[in-house]
Amino acid sequence: MMNTTTKVLLTASLLAVAACSKKKPEELPPPPAQNTVPSTPEPTGPVSGAAVPGSRADFLAQVGSDTIHFDTDKYDINAEASGVLTRQAGWLKANPNVRATIEGHCDERGTREYNLALGDRRANSVKNYLVNAGVSAAQLATISYGKERPVATGSDEGAWAQNRRAVTVVPE
């Protein structure tokens, strides 16, 4: 037989569980009203899908890439990077009101301080290339993220090679 304390605890538990249960709504809310405004058709032809001039999408469409890569512990511009940067310079000169930020990045090896300094040299190397190609220095800013923002995870040469980079960021 149950003692009084057990009965009180059992009753309190049952009441607590019953109080927590939700009641079904007596009546469901009405469904949303149908939109009677005719939709505007999407544009077709050459305008459809075209990037807005001076936008990030336009930059990527015209230039092809916002990123160049570097060899280990290097910040010099190689022949492949030179081609990308020449296209970037052409676009930036054609869009003189657009400001770009050049980000310098490194792989995970090395100290934080070393990689921040190397990332800074990489970003400034790109900036100097673009300025020498005729881009106004006032259009360009640099920042180093060192190893803090990798694009590839992993501790192998493939991941490290992807993370040793400079990215020219044009706002949306």
Protein backbone atom coordinates (compact mmCIF):
# COMPACT_ATOMS: atom_id res chain seq x y z
CA MET A 1 0.00 0.00 0.00
CA MET A 2 1.18 3.55 -0.76
CA ASN A 3 1.88 6.00 1.99
CA THR A 4 0.53 9.55 1.95
CA THR A 5 3.78 11.16 0.76
CA THR A 6 3.98 8.81 -2.23
CA LYS A 7 0.35 9.54 -3.15
CA VAL A 8 0.95 13.30 -2.97
CA LEU A 9 4.08 13.05 -5.14
CA LEU A 10 2.32 10.85 -7.69
CA THR A 11 -0.66 13.21 -7.86
CA ALA A 12 1.61 16.25 -8.23
CA SER A 13 3.56 14.54 -11.03
CA LEU A 14 0.38 13.67 -12.94
CA LEU A 15 -0.92 17.21 -12.58
CA ALA A 16 2.38 18.66 -13.82
CA VAL A 17 2.37 16.44 -16.90
CA ALA A 18 -1.26 17.25 -17.65
CA ALA A 19 -0.61 20.99 -17.28
CA CYS A 20 2.22 20.86 -19.83
CA SER A 21 0.18 19.27 -22.58
CA LYS A 22 -1.10 21.57 -25.31
CA LYS A 23 -4.69 21.73 -26.37
CA LYS A 24 -5.54 21.54 -30.02
CA PRO A 25 -6.89 24.79 -31.38
CA GLU A 26 -10.62 24.67 -31.66
CA GLU A 27 -10.53 26.26 -35.09
CA LEU A 28 -7.67 26.50 -37.57
CA PRO A 29 -6.79 29.93 -38.95
CA PRO A 30 -7.93 30.60 -42.51
CA PRO A 31 -5.48 29.80 -45.33
CA PRO A 32 -3.49 32.71 -46.78
CA ALA A 33 -5.33 34.78 -49.36
CA GLN A 34 -4.47 34.14 -53.00
CA ASN A 35 -2.30 36.80 -54.60
CA THR A 36 -4.47 38.45 -57.24
CA VAL A 37 -1.75 40.83 -58.45
CA PRO A 38 -0.35 39.52 -61.74
CA SER A 39 3.35 38.75 -61.55
CA THR A 40 5.76 40.68 -63.72
CA PRO A 41 7.47 38.48 -66.28
CA GLU A 42 11.23 38.09 -66.00
CA PRO A 43 13.22 40.07 -68.57
CA THR A 44 14.44 38.14 -71.57
CA GLY A 45 17.11 38.71 -74.15
CA PRO A 46 20.53 40.23 -73.54
CA VAL A 47 19.46 41.97 -70.31
CA SER A 48 18.43 38.71 -68.65
CA GLY A 49 21.15 37.39 -66.35
CA ALA A 50 23.58 40.20 -67.18
CA ALA A 51 25.68 41.47 -64.32
CA VAL A 52 25.30 45.09 -63.25
CA PRO A 53 28.32 47.03 -64.51
CA GLY A 54 30.74 47.76 -61.67
CA SER A 55 29.39 44.97 -59.47
CA ARG A 56 31.22 41.98 -58.02
CA ALA A 57 29.38 39.72 -60.47
CA ASP A 58 30.55 41.92 -63.36
CA PHE A 59 34.12 41.82 -62.02
CA LEU A 60 34.12 38.02 -61.85
CA ALA A 61 32.45 37.68 -65.27
CA GLN A 62 34.92 40.02 -66.97
CA VAL A 63 38.11 39.04 -65.13
CA GLY A 64 37.47 35.36 -64.52
CA SER A 65 39.06 35.17 -61.07
CA ASP A 66 39.49 37.28 -57.98
CA THR A 67 42.28 35.05 -56.61
CA ILE A 68 45.94 34.45 -57.36
CA HIS A 69 48.17 31.90 -55.65
CA PHE A 70 51.72 31.99 -54.32
CA ASP A 71 54.51 29.51 -53.77
CA THR A 72 55.55 28.58 -50.22
CA ASP A 73 56.97 31.57 -48.30
CA LYS A 74 56.80 33.74 -51.45
CA TYR A 75 54.99 36.93 -52.37
CA ASP A 76 56.28 37.47 -55.90
CA ILE A 77 53.85 37.50 -58.83
CA ASN A 78 54.34 34.54 -61.20
CA ALA A 79 53.34 34.41 -64.89
CA GLU A 80 49.91 32.84 -64.25
CA ALA A 81 49.08 35.42 -61.57
CA SER A 82 50.29 38.20 -63.86
CA GLY A 83 47.64 37.33 -66.46
CA VAL A 84 44.85 37.42 -63.86
CA LEU A 85 46.11 40.70 -62.39
CA THR A 86 46.37 42.30 -65.84
CA ARG A 87 42.67 41.52 -66.41
CA GLN A 88 41.83 42.83 -62.92
CA ALA A 89 43.72 46.05 -63.65
CA GLY A 90 41.80 46.54 -66.89
CA TRP A 91 38.47 46.13 -65.12
CA LEU A 92 39.45 48.41 -62.23
CA LYS A 93 40.64 51.13 -64.63
CA ALA A 94 37.35 50.87 -66.53
CA ASN A 95 35.47 51.21 -63.21
CA PRO A 96 37.38 53.98 -61.39
CA ASN A 97 34.60 54.56 -58.82
CA VAL A 98 34.84 50.99 -57.52
CA ARG A 99 37.01 50.43 -54.46
CA ALA A 100 38.63 47.03 -53.94
CA THR A 101 40.28 45.41 -50.95
CA ILE A 102 43.15 43.02 -51.51
CA GLU A 103 43.30 40.26 -48.91
CA GLY A 104 46.57 38.46 -48.22
CA HIS A 105 46.30 34.85 -46.98
CA CYS A 106 48.72 32.09 -45.94
CA ASP A 107 48.64 28.40 -45.20
CA GLU A 108 48.53 27.04 -41.64
CA ARG A 109 52.27 26.59 -41.24
CA GLY A 110 54.30 29.19 -39.41
CA THR A 111 53.45 31.45 -36.49
CA ARG A 112 50.52 33.82 -36.48
CA GLU A 113 52.85 36.84 -36.60
CA TYR A 114 54.92 35.43 -39.47
CA ASN A 115 51.82 34.65 -41.54
CA LEU A 116 50.25 38.06 -40.90
CA ALA A 117 53.46 39.70 -42.18
CA LEU A 118 53.63 37.36 -45.20
CA GLY A 119 49.94 37.96 -45.97
CA ASP A 120 50.61 41.71 -45.83
CA ARG A 121 53.52 41.37 -48.28
CA ARG A 122 51.30 39.31 -50.62
CA ALA A 123 48.47 41.86 -50.53
CA ASN A 124 50.88 44.75 -51.12
CA SER A 125 52.60 42.86 -53.94
CA VAL A 126 49.22 42.63 -55.72
CA LYS A 127 48.42 46.27 -54.97
CA ASN A 128 51.79 47.38 -56.38
CA TYR A 129 51.23 45.32 -59.53
CA LEU A 130 47.80 46.86 -60.08
CA VAL A 131 49.06 50.41 -59.43
CA ASN A 132 51.98 49.86 -61.86
CA ALA A 133 49.37 48.69 -64.39
CA GLY A 134 47.56 52.03 -64.10
CA VAL A 135 44.99 51.49 -61.32
CA SER A 136 44.67 54.41 -58.91
CA ALA A 137 46.18 53.60 -55.51
CA ALA A 138 43.18 55.38 -53.97
CA GLN A 139 40.95 52.58 -55.32
CA LEU A 140 42.84 49.90 -53.41
CA ALA A 141 43.14 48.89 -49.78
CA THR A 142 45.02 45.93 -48.34
CA ILE A 143 44.50 43.64 -45.37
CA SER A 144 46.29 40.54 -44.16
CA TYR A 145 44.43 37.62 -42.62
CA GLY A 146 47.52 35.43 -42.35
CA LYS A 147 46.36 31.87 -41.73
CA GLU A 148 43.07 32.88 -40.06
CA ARG A 149 40.73 32.39 -43.05
CA PRO A 150 41.62 29.22 -44.94
CA VAL A 151 39.55 28.19 -47.96
CA ALA A 152 40.75 24.59 -47.78
CA THR A 153 40.96 22.49 -44.66
CA GLY A 154 43.61 19.86 -44.32
CA SER A 155 47.28 19.63 -43.58
CA ASP A 156 48.63 18.61 -46.95
CA GLU A 157 50.22 20.33 -49.93
CA GLY A 158 46.89 20.53 -51.82
CA ALA A 159 45.18 22.46 -49.02
CA TRP A 160 48.24 24.61 -48.33
CA ALA A 161 48.53 25.58 -52.01
CA GLN A 162 44.89 26.76 -52.08
CA ASN A 163 45.38 28.84 -48.92
CA ARG A 164 48.52 30.69 -50.13
CA ARG A 165 46.64 33.39 -52.00
CA ALA A 166 45.64 37.00 -52.49
CA VAL A 167 42.00 37.84 -53.17
CA THR A 168 40.80 41.06 -54.78
CA VAL A 169 37.44 41.78 -53.18
CA VAL A 170 35.03 44.06 -55.02
CA PRO A 171 31.86 44.96 -53.06
CA GLU A 172 28.51 43.56 -54.18
